Amino acid sequence: MSTGYAKTIAEGLATARAYELPFEILRGRINDVVLVSDYEMLRAIKELLITTGQVAEPAGAAALAAAMKLRDRLIGKKAVVMVTGGNIDPELLKRIIEGY
């Protein structure tokens, strides 16, 4: 079970530790875990908005932030990035558009 909450803009990811059951289910099915910062999620939100016109909340943009972080490792490979959740505070979105 989670032992608390992490301080982050990504409310949907604000656990300090992975939940045991989902982590156990995924353990044998994943190759890597990538940690991203709030800043990297903000950059991903802005990139998504600029390139596709889509809006994602910080937790929903975490996978894109990870892909952007691993850009060099992904060149020439097929990759799928799931972007979810458009529930973003309008003031935060305004700050992202204006440059954080």
Protein backbone atom coordinates (compact mmCIF):
# COMPACT_ATOMS: atom_id res chain seq x y z
CA MET A 1 0.00 0.00 0.00
CA SER A 2 1.04 3.58 -0.48
CA THR A 3 2.83 5.19 2.44
CA GLY A 4 1.83 8.75 1.63
CA TYR A 5 1.65 11.29 -1.11
CA ALA A 6 4.37 12.85 -3.19
CA LYS A 7 4.39 16.58 -3.83
CA THR A 8 3.64 16.95 -7.54
CA ILE A 9 1.40 18.78 -9.98
CA ALA A 10 0.22 15.37 -11.21
CA GLU A 11 -2.53 14.63 -8.72
CA GLY A 12 -3.27 11.27 -10.34
CA LEU A 13 0.31 10.15 -9.66
CA ALA A 14 0.78 11.68 -6.23
CA THR A 15 1.59 8.48 -4.39
CA ALA A 16 4.98 8.17 -2.71
CA ARG A 17 5.22 4.46 -3.55
CA ALA A 18 3.71 2.18 -6.20
CA TYR A 19 0.67 0.22 -5.08
CA GLU A 20 1.65 -3.40 -4.52
CA LEU A 21 -1.06 -5.24 -6.53
CA PRO A 22 -0.78 -3.26 -9.80
CA PHE A 23 3.02 -3.28 -9.50
CA GLU A 24 3.06 -7.07 -9.04
CA ILE A 25 0.79 -7.53 -12.08
CA LEU A 26 3.03 -5.33 -14.23
CA ARG A 27 6.40 -6.49 -12.87
CA GLY A 28 6.92 -9.28 -15.42
CA ARG A 29 5.42 -7.34 -18.32
CA ILE A 30 7.44 -4.13 -18.38
CA ASN A 31 11.00 -3.51 -19.45
CA ASP A 32 11.65 -0.18 -17.78
CA VAL A 33 10.24 2.43 -15.43
CA VAL A 34 10.95 6.07 -16.21
CA LEU A 35 10.60 8.81 -13.62
CA VAL A 36 9.66 12.25 -14.88
CA SER A 37 9.66 15.59 -13.12
CA ASP A 38 6.86 18.12 -12.94
CA TYR A 39 8.82 20.28 -15.36
CA GLU A 40 9.04 17.40 -17.87
CA MET A 41 5.28 16.85 -17.63
CA LEU A 42 4.67 20.58 -18.21
CA ARG A 43 6.91 20.44 -21.31
CA ALA A 44 4.98 17.40 -22.56
CA ILE A 45 1.64 19.19 -22.07
CA LYS A 46 2.90 22.17 -24.05
CA GLU A 47 4.37 19.96 -26.81
CA LEU A 48 1.11 18.05 -27.11
CA LEU A 49 -0.89 21.27 -27.28
CA ILE A 50 1.40 22.82 -29.91
CA THR A 51 1.73 19.75 -32.14
CA THR A 52 -1.75 18.23 -31.90
CA GLY A 53 -4.04 20.79 -30.29
CA GLN A 54 -4.88 18.29 -27.55
CA VAL A 55 -4.92 19.16 -23.86
CA ALA A 56 -3.81 16.70 -21.21
CA GLU A 57 -3.56 16.97 -17.46
CA PRO A 58 -0.12 16.43 -15.92
CA ALA A 59 -0.66 12.77 -14.99
CA GLY A 60 -2.10 12.15 -18.46
CA ALA A 61 1.01 13.62 -20.08
CA ALA A 62 3.48 11.61 -17.98
CA ALA A 63 3.90 8.90 -20.64
CA LEU A 64 4.66 11.51 -23.29
CA ALA A 65 7.13 13.17 -20.89
CA ALA A 66 8.86 9.80 -20.50
CA ALA A 67 8.97 9.26 -24.27
CA MET A 68 10.43 12.73 -24.74
CA LYS A 69 13.04 11.94 -22.08
CA LEU A 70 13.94 8.71 -23.92
CA ARG A 71 13.78 10.31 -27.38
CA ASP A 72 17.29 9.16 -28.39
CA ARG A 73 16.57 5.55 -27.36
CA LEU A 74 13.31 5.54 -29.32
CA ILE A 75 14.62 6.88 -32.64
CA GLY A 76 13.85 4.38 -35.40
CA LYS A 77 11.52 2.32 -33.19
CA LYS A 78 7.75 2.11 -33.12
CA ALA A 79 6.34 3.51 -29.93
CA VAL A 80 2.84 4.06 -28.59
CA VAL A 81 2.21 6.73 -25.99
CA MET A 82 -1.13 6.83 -24.22
CA VAL A 83 -2.23 10.34 -23.31
CA THR A 84 -5.23 10.62 -21.00
CA GLY A 85 -7.19 13.14 -19.01
CA GLY A 86 -7.99 16.69 -19.97
CA ASN A 87 -8.92 17.81 -16.48
CA ILE A 88 -6.35 20.58 -16.11
CA ASP A 89 -6.69 23.75 -14.10
CA PRO A 90 -7.19 26.66 -16.53
CA GLU A 91 -4.64 28.80 -14.65
CA LEU A 92 -2.02 26.05 -14.93
CA LEU A 93 -2.74 25.70 -18.64
CA LYS A 94 -2.37 29.46 -19.05
CA ARG A 95 1.03 29.36 -17.27
CA ILE A 96 2.16 26.46 -19.49
CA ILE A 97 1.21 28.34 -22.64
CA GLU A 98 2.97 31.48 -21.40
CA GLY A 99 6.16 29.53 -20.64
CA TYR A 100 5.62 28.15 -17.12
